[in-house]
Every structure is written in C-alpha cells, then in structure tokens.
Amino acid sequence: MHARSAWVVGGRTVPDEEVDEEHAAFYAEHPLVVETGMRKYADLLTAWGWEE
C-alpha cells in the first residue's frame, strides 16, 4: 500500500490545508454526521483511549 502523494480533484492538485478547511466546513454544516459517527464507533474510540 502506498500513501497518496497529493489530493487531486477534477484534475487539480489540492493542498492538504484546503482539504482540511473543506472537511471542517462540511462537519460544521452537518454536525449530525459527527454525532452519528461518534455513537456508531463509541466502543472503538474508547478502546483507542478517546475521552470526551
């Protein structure tokens, strides 16, 4: 398995920082996605040491 060398969207190379900003904006606009994921993976997150 190889790590990706860059994000490419529509043929354009996108910097990691831009991808991070877009992800943060999506989650800010759709908090239910985060809440659902936290519930669905609660056991795994706890096993990994996640604490609220």
C-alpha atoms as a PDB file:
ATOM      1  CA  MET A   1       0.000   0.000   0.000  1.00  0.00           C
ATOM      2  CA  HIS A   2       1.332   3.433  -0.934  1.00  0.00           C
ATOM      3  CA  ALA A   3       0.449   6.732   0.682  1.00  0.00           C
ATOM      4  CA  ARG A   4      -1.086   9.284  -1.620  1.00  0.00           C
ATOM      5  CA  SER A   5       1.278  11.948  -2.908  1.00  0.00           C
ATOM      6  CA  ALA A   6      -1.429  14.614  -3.337  1.00  0.00           C
ATOM      7  CA  TRP A   7      -5.163  15.263  -3.401  1.00  0.00           C
ATOM      8  CA  VAL A   8      -6.399  15.630  -6.972  1.00  0.00           C
ATOM      9  CA  VAL A   9      -9.921  16.943  -7.543  1.00  0.00           C
ATOM     10  CA  GLY A  10     -11.208  17.458 -11.055  1.00  0.00           C
ATOM     11  CA  GLY A  11      -7.658  17.249 -12.366  1.00  0.00           C
ATOM     12  CA  ARG A  12      -6.443  19.991  -9.991  1.00  0.00           C
ATOM     13  CA  THR A  13      -3.897  19.267  -7.251  1.00  0.00           C
ATOM     14  CA  VAL A  14      -5.392  20.463  -3.961  1.00  0.00           C
ATOM     15  CA  PRO A  15      -3.186  21.294  -0.951  1.00  0.00           C
ATOM     16  CA  ASP A  16      -3.834  19.369   2.285  1.00  0.00           C
ATOM     17  CA  GLU A  17      -4.725  22.645   4.029  1.00  0.00           C
ATOM     18  CA  GLU A  18      -7.558  23.298   1.572  1.00  0.00           C
ATOM     19  CA  VAL A  19      -8.872  19.758   2.028  1.00  0.00           C
ATOM     20  CA  ASP A  20      -8.759  20.244   5.823  1.00  0.00           C
ATOM     21  CA  GLU A  21     -10.705  23.504   5.539  1.00  0.00           C
ATOM     22  CA  GLU A  22     -13.355  21.909   3.333  1.00  0.00           C
ATOM     23  CA  HIS A  23     -13.761  18.963   5.697  1.00  0.00           C
ATOM     24  CA  ALA A  24     -14.088  21.274   8.710  1.00  0.00           C
ATOM     25  CA  ALA A  25     -16.704  23.369   6.897  1.00  0.00           C
ATOM     26  CA  PHE A  26     -18.692  20.252   5.943  1.00  0.00           C
ATOM     27  CA  TYR A  27     -18.724  18.943   9.511  1.00  0.00           C
ATOM     28  CA  ALA A  28     -19.664  22.389  10.862  1.00  0.00           C
ATOM     29  CA  GLU A  29     -22.643  22.443   8.490  1.00  0.00           C
ATOM     30  CA  HIS A  30     -23.578  18.793   9.187  1.00  0.00           C
ATOM     31  CA  PRO A  31     -22.975  18.128  12.911  1.00  0.00           C
ATOM     32  CA  LEU A  32     -25.309  15.112  12.834  1.00  0.00           C
ATOM     33  CA  VAL A  33     -22.680  13.292  10.749  1.00  0.00           C
ATOM     34  CA  VAL A  34     -20.168  13.682  13.576  1.00  0.00           C
ATOM     35  CA  GLU A  35     -22.689  12.763  16.293  1.00  0.00           C
ATOM     36  CA  THR A  36     -23.756   9.643  14.396  1.00  0.00           C
ATOM     37  CA  GLY A  37     -20.157   8.576  13.812  1.00  0.00           C
ATOM     38  CA  MET A  38     -19.275   9.104  17.459  1.00  0.00           C
ATOM     39  CA  ARG A  39     -22.201   6.907  18.542  1.00  0.00           C
ATOM     40  CA  LYS A  40     -21.534   4.244  15.911  1.00  0.00           C
ATOM     41  CA  TYR A  41     -17.848   3.945  16.783  1.00  0.00           C
ATOM     42  CA  ALA A  42     -18.040   4.687  20.532  1.00  0.00           C
ATOM     43  CA  ASP A  43     -16.597   1.311  21.556  1.00  0.00           C
ATOM     44  CA  LEU A  44     -13.686   1.607  19.153  1.00  0.00           C
ATOM     45  CA  LEU A  45     -12.960   5.204  20.156  1.00  0.00           C
ATOM     46  CA  THR A  46     -12.972   4.188  23.831  1.00  0.00           C
ATOM     47  CA  ALA A  47     -10.581   1.326  23.076  1.00  0.00           C
ATOM     48  CA  TRP A  48      -8.286   3.852  21.396  1.00  0.00           C
ATOM     49  CA  GLY A  49      -8.357   5.994  24.533  1.00  0.00           C
ATOM     50  CA  TRP A  50     -10.788   8.702  23.351  1.00  0.00           C
ATOM     51  CA  GLU A  51     -12.389  10.616  26.205  1.00  0.00           C
ATOM     52  CA  GLU A  52     -14.963  13.386  25.932  1.00  0.00           C
END
